[in-house]
Protein backbone atom coordinates (compact mmCIF):
# COMPACT_ATOMS: atom_id res chain seq x y z
CA MET A 1 0.38 13.35 2.45
CA ARG A 2 -1.74 16.13 1.06
CA ARG A 3 -4.79 17.37 2.92
CA HIS A 4 -7.29 16.25 0.23
CA VAL A 5 -6.00 12.68 0.57
CA TYR A 6 -6.64 12.75 4.32
CA GLU A 7 -10.08 14.26 3.83
CA ALA A 8 -11.00 11.39 1.51
CA ALA A 9 -9.42 8.81 3.82
CA TYR A 10 -11.45 10.07 6.81
CA ARG A 11 -14.54 8.71 5.05
CA VAL A 12 -13.15 5.15 5.20
CA PRO A 13 -14.75 3.32 8.18
CA GLY A 14 -12.19 2.54 10.87
CA TRP A 15 -9.35 4.47 9.26
CA VAL A 16 -6.83 5.91 11.70
CA ARG A 17 -4.82 8.93 10.57
CA ASP A 18 -1.17 8.23 9.89
CA ASP A 19 0.89 11.32 9.07
CA GLU A 20 3.81 9.16 8.05
CA VAL A 21 2.39 7.18 5.12
CA THR A 22 5.44 6.16 3.11
CA CYS A 23 6.04 4.01 0.06
CA ASP A 24 5.64 0.33 0.98
CA LEU A 25 7.39 -0.95 -2.15
CA ASP A 26 11.05 -1.87 -2.51
CA ALA A 27 13.28 1.12 -3.22
CA HIS A 28 12.84 2.25 -6.81
CA PRO A 29 14.24 5.18 -8.80
CA HIS A 30 11.17 5.81 -10.99
CA GLY A 31 7.44 5.18 -11.20
CA ASP A 32 4.62 5.62 -8.75
CA HIS A 33 4.95 5.17 -5.02
CA HIS A 34 2.23 3.35 -3.03
CA GLY A 35 1.54 3.57 0.70
CA CYS A 36 -1.23 1.59 2.36
CA VAL A 37 -3.79 3.82 4.07
CA GLY A 38 -6.08 1.09 5.36
CA GLU A 39 -7.94 -2.11 4.70
CA LEU A 40 -11.31 -1.85 2.95
CA THR A 41 -12.20 -5.55 2.83
CA ARG A 42 -10.37 -8.84 3.43
CA THR A 43 -9.10 -8.70 -0.16
CA THR A 44 -8.80 -4.95 -0.89
CA ALA A 45 -6.99 -1.99 0.66
CA LEU A 46 -7.00 1.76 0.16
CA TRP A 47 -3.66 3.00 -1.11
CA ALA A 48 -2.19 6.46 -1.52
CA ARG A 49 -0.43 6.61 -4.90
CA TRP A 50 1.91 9.42 -5.90
CA PRO A 51 4.50 9.98 -8.63
CA GLY A 52 8.14 10.24 -7.59
CA GLY A 53 9.35 13.75 -6.79
CA THR A 54 5.92 15.12 -5.86
CA GLU A 55 3.59 15.24 -2.88
CA ALA A 56 0.42 15.12 -5.00
CA ALA A 57 -1.35 11.89 -4.16
CA ALA A 58 -4.51 10.03 -5.11
CA LEU A 59 -6.43 7.39 -3.21
CA VAL A 60 -6.98 4.11 -5.05
CA ALA A 61 -8.62 0.85 -3.99
CA LEU A 62 -6.42 -2.06 -5.00
CA PRO A 63 -6.68 -5.80 -4.33
CA TYR A 64 -4.02 -7.46 -2.23
CA CYS A 65 -1.26 -9.50 -3.85
CA THR A 66 -2.16 -13.19 -3.78
CA SER A 67 1.42 -14.46 -3.40
CA ARG A 68 2.26 -16.68 -0.42
CA SER A 69 5.66 -17.62 0.95
CA PRO A 70 6.78 -21.23 0.39
CA GLY A 71 6.61 -23.77 3.17
CA GLY A 72 4.14 -25.34 5.54
CA ASP A 73 3.07 -22.09 7.25
CA PRO A 74 2.92 -19.54 4.40
CA ASP A 75 2.86 -15.79 4.97
CA ALA A 76 0.73 -13.57 2.75
CA CYS A 77 2.12 -10.58 0.86
CA PHE A 78 0.52 -7.42 2.25
CA LEU A 79 1.30 -5.33 -0.86
CA HIS A 80 -1.15 -4.65 -3.69
CA ALA A 81 -1.62 -6.94 -6.68
CA GLY A 82 0.83 -6.23 -9.49
CA HIS A 83 3.32 -4.42 -7.23
CA ARG A 84 6.92 -3.91 -8.32
CA GLY A 85 9.81 -5.41 -6.42
CA GLY A 86 9.76 -8.28 -3.97
CA HIS A 87 6.90 -9.54 -1.86
CA SER A 88 6.55 -8.32 1.71
CA TRP A 89 7.23 -11.79 3.12
CA GLU A 90 10.60 -11.84 1.32
CA ARG A 91 11.80 -8.88 3.40
CA PHE A 92 11.40 -10.65 6.72
CA ARG A 93 12.82 -14.13 6.09
């Protein structure tokens, strides 16, 4: 990630630097990529967002997805609300 993204992220309480922030969404050939930088509140996280084919990134606060897996012991989706592709809990069934 670009230096200015890290400089902004350092101001987030409790954030730990991660040089390997990658796109957390399902593989996709176009559109923005999103990598979680850290949790801001129980319902919101700080995400790095960047267009495909570039390293330029912006930090955005986005609410978590509210989807839950079916069944008696549901797992929460750790991606942001309105994400493309499947939910995180679908990857680990």
